[in-house]
Structures are given as structure tokens and as C-alpha cells.
Amino acid sequence: MNGREDLVKDGWVKKFTAYGHRLKEAREFFEELGFEVRLEPAEAPEDVPDESCRSCLSEFERTIYVRRTDT
């Protein structure tokens, strides 16, 4: 299993990828709804031809995973 599969196995649900203030807003939104939030480095799409662009995307973008907290 890879890291992403392990996350799903542990109950995490992938939502979307964001960066900057939208990432902060999304994190706060899901936390307010009662979710536990986990941010993982984004995986650049395979169709991005330039390796420097791919690494730049991975450096700044985060994929948001959520799961319900036990309350």
C-alpha cells in the first residue's frame, strides 16, 4: 500500500487541492463542520511536462483530506 491508500484505509476522504488563502479558508471551514483535517503535499498531474513546474506545484499546493472526529 502507498501513503494515499493508507489514508483512505484510515478513514480519510480526499476533498480537493488548494493553496494560499483558499487552503486556509477550506481548512477552517471543514474544522468548523466538525471534521479532522489533514493536509498532504499535492501530486502534480502527469501531464505537466516541465519537472520544475511539477516540483513547484508540489511545494505550494496541498491536498485536503478530512474525516469525522469522534465526538
Protein backbone atom coordinates (compact mmCIF):
# COMPACT_ATOMS: atom_id res chain seq x y z
CA MET A 1 0.00 0.00 0.00
CA ASN A 2 1.12 3.56 -0.60
CA GLY A 3 0.57 6.58 1.63
CA ARG A 4 -2.64 7.69 -0.11
CA GLU A 5 -4.16 4.22 0.16
CA ASP A 6 -3.24 4.12 3.85
CA LEU A 7 -5.05 7.42 4.39
CA VAL A 8 -8.23 6.05 2.82
CA LYS A 9 -7.92 2.86 4.85
CA ASP A 10 -7.71 5.00 8.00
CA GLY A 11 -10.96 6.79 7.12
CA TRP A 12 -9.62 9.91 5.40
CA VAL A 13 -11.60 11.27 2.43
CA LYS A 14 -9.83 13.30 -0.26
CA LYS A 15 -11.62 16.58 -0.97
CA PHE A 16 -9.53 18.79 -3.27
CA THR A 17 -6.22 20.56 -3.76
CA ALA A 18 -5.67 24.22 -2.91
CA TYR A 19 -3.02 26.72 -1.83
CA GLY A 20 -2.68 30.10 -0.18
CA HIS A 21 -5.65 31.78 1.45
CA ARG A 22 -8.11 29.32 -0.15
CA LEU A 23 -6.32 26.47 1.59
CA LYS A 24 -6.61 28.28 4.92
CA GLU A 25 -10.32 29.00 4.31
CA ALA A 26 -11.04 25.39 3.38
CA ARG A 27 -9.24 24.05 6.43
CA GLU A 28 -11.15 26.37 8.74
CA PHE A 29 -14.44 25.51 7.01
CA PHE A 30 -14.02 21.76 7.44
CA GLU A 31 -12.88 22.17 11.05
CA GLU A 32 -15.98 24.28 11.80
CA LEU A 33 -18.11 21.46 10.36
CA GLY A 34 -16.52 19.08 12.85
CA PHE A 35 -14.02 17.36 10.60
CA GLU A 36 -10.45 16.44 11.40
CA VAL A 37 -8.32 17.95 8.62
CA ARG A 38 -5.08 16.64 7.18
CA LEU A 39 -3.02 18.43 4.52
CA GLU A 40 -0.75 16.43 2.25
CA PRO A 41 1.64 17.66 -0.45
CA ALA A 42 -0.18 17.73 -3.76
CA GLU A 43 0.74 15.33 -6.50
CA ALA A 44 1.36 17.22 -9.73
CA PRO A 45 -0.59 15.89 -12.71
CA GLU A 46 1.39 13.67 -15.04
CA ASP A 47 0.59 15.95 -17.99
CA VAL A 48 2.70 18.80 -16.58
CA PRO A 49 5.73 18.48 -18.86
CA ASP A 50 8.30 20.57 -17.01
CA GLU A 51 9.79 18.93 -13.91
CA SER A 52 10.47 22.33 -12.31
CA CYS A 53 6.76 23.19 -12.66
CA ARG A 54 5.82 19.82 -11.17
CA SER A 55 8.04 20.35 -8.13
CA CYS A 56 6.76 23.92 -7.71
CA LEU A 57 3.16 22.68 -7.64
CA SER A 58 4.05 20.06 -5.06
CA GLU A 59 5.83 22.62 -2.93
CA PHE A 60 2.92 25.06 -2.57
CA GLU A 61 -0.28 23.11 -3.14
CA ARG A 62 -1.80 20.80 -0.56
CA THR A 63 -4.46 18.16 -0.93
CA ILE A 64 -7.11 18.33 1.76
CA TYR A 65 -8.24 15.12 3.44
CA VAL A 66 -10.98 15.05 6.07
CA ARG A 67 -12.58 12.59 8.44
CA ARG A 68 -15.17 12.91 11.16
CA THR A 69 -13.85 13.43 14.64
CA ASP A 70 -15.01 11.04 17.34
CA THR A 71 -17.47 13.08 19.38
